[in-house]
Amino acid sequence: MVKVRMYGVFRKISGVRELDLSLKRRQMKLKEVLDELCQRFPGLLNVLFDSELNDPRPNTIIIVNGREIGVLNGLESLITEEDEIALIPVLHGG
């Protein structure tokens, strides 16, 4: 199981602080794991992903095993059963 920790609005939408997510394969790309998460919690889709870019990075800081995905392989980072993902919303002001 992959442990997913939710913060801020992601916690509010999903109703959970953390959850264990079972992977369909031994390794999956981070983007695939996020897609699975959005299927489980449909309300996350429009908040987690930027609608124009179809990318979560403008709206979310994503940490895998204590490292921001920008220093890994981004959305192509391979996730395995032992990994931990944290989703932290980015606050936008105007």
Protein backbone atom coordinates (compact mmCIF):
# COMPACT_ATOMS: atom_id res chain seq x y z
CA MET A 1 0.00 0.00 0.00
CA VAL A 2 1.10 3.54 -0.79
CA LYS A 3 0.44 5.96 2.06
CA VAL A 4 -1.10 9.21 0.84
CA ARG A 5 -1.24 12.18 3.23
CA MET A 6 -3.70 14.96 2.44
CA TYR A 7 -3.39 18.55 3.63
CA GLY A 8 -5.64 21.60 3.49
CA VAL A 9 -8.38 21.57 0.91
CA PHE A 10 -7.43 18.05 -0.22
CA ARG A 11 -8.18 16.76 3.28
CA LYS A 12 -11.48 18.64 3.32
CA ILE A 13 -12.59 17.27 -0.06
CA SER A 14 -11.54 13.68 0.59
CA GLY A 15 -12.60 13.63 4.23
CA VAL A 16 -9.37 11.86 5.24
CA ARG A 17 -5.99 12.91 6.62
CA GLU A 18 -4.25 9.90 5.15
CA LEU A 19 -5.10 6.71 3.37
CA ASP A 20 -3.47 3.57 2.11
CA LEU A 21 -3.88 3.21 -1.64
CA SER A 22 -3.38 -0.15 -3.30
CA LEU A 23 -1.47 -0.09 -6.59
CA LYS A 24 -2.73 -1.97 -9.64
CA ARG A 25 0.84 -2.88 -10.58
CA ARG A 26 4.12 -3.30 -8.68
CA GLN A 27 5.25 0.12 -9.94
CA MET A 28 3.16 2.94 -11.29
CA LYS A 29 3.97 6.44 -12.45
CA LEU A 30 3.00 9.18 -10.02
CA LYS A 31 0.55 10.60 -12.59
CA GLU A 32 -1.24 7.23 -12.67
CA VAL A 33 -1.44 7.13 -8.88
CA LEU A 34 -2.91 10.65 -8.82
CA ASP A 35 -5.46 9.61 -11.46
CA GLU A 36 -6.45 6.65 -9.24
CA LEU A 37 -6.82 8.99 -6.29
CA CYS A 38 -9.10 11.28 -8.31
CA GLN A 39 -11.24 8.30 -9.30
CA ARG A 40 -11.62 7.42 -5.63
CA PHE A 41 -12.37 11.04 -4.68
CA PRO A 42 -13.86 12.73 -7.80
CA GLY A 43 -14.01 16.12 -6.07
CA LEU A 44 -10.20 16.24 -6.06
CA LEU A 45 -9.89 16.37 -9.84
CA ASN A 46 -10.76 20.04 -10.37
CA VAL A 47 -8.79 21.18 -7.32
CA LEU A 48 -5.72 18.97 -7.66
CA PHE A 49 -5.17 19.40 -11.42
CA ASP A 50 -4.83 22.69 -13.30
CA SER A 51 -7.57 22.44 -15.92
CA GLU A 52 -5.60 24.15 -18.70
CA LEU A 53 -2.38 22.19 -18.20
CA ASN A 54 -3.85 18.90 -16.92
CA ASP A 55 -1.02 19.03 -14.40
CA PRO A 56 -1.20 19.24 -10.60
CA ARG A 57 2.05 21.16 -10.10
CA PRO A 58 0.69 24.72 -10.31
CA ASN A 59 -1.81 23.88 -7.55
CA THR A 60 0.01 21.32 -5.44
CA ILE A 61 3.34 20.63 -3.82
CA ILE A 62 3.83 16.88 -4.13
CA ILE A 63 6.30 15.18 -1.83
CA VAL A 64 7.35 11.54 -2.35
CA ASN A 65 9.30 9.99 0.51
CA GLY A 66 10.27 13.42 1.82
CA ARG A 67 11.44 14.80 -1.54
CA GLU A 68 9.63 17.27 -3.79
CA ILE A 69 8.92 15.67 -7.17
CA GLY A 70 10.87 18.39 -9.00
CA VAL A 71 14.09 16.79 -7.75
CA LEU A 72 12.82 13.34 -8.73
CA ASN A 73 11.32 12.55 -12.12
CA GLY A 74 8.23 14.74 -11.81
CA LEU A 75 4.95 13.05 -12.68
CA GLU A 76 6.94 10.22 -14.27
CA SER A 77 8.42 9.25 -10.87
CA LEU A 78 7.89 5.56 -10.20
CA ILE A 79 5.82 4.80 -7.12
CA THR A 80 5.98 1.45 -5.32
CA GLU A 81 4.04 -0.09 -2.43
CA GLU A 82 6.48 1.21 0.20
CA ASP A 83 6.26 4.87 -0.82
CA GLU A 84 4.60 7.80 0.91
CA ILE A 85 3.05 10.70 -0.97
CA ALA A 86 2.06 14.04 0.57
CA LEU A 87 -0.27 16.43 -1.26
CA ILE A 88 0.02 20.02 -0.07
CA PRO A 89 -2.15 22.71 -1.70
CA VAL A 90 -0.53 25.90 -2.94
CA LEU A 91 -2.39 29.01 -1.84
CA HIS A 92 -2.97 31.61 -4.55
CA GLY A 93 -3.71 35.21 -3.80
CA GLY A 94 -4.73 38.12 -5.88
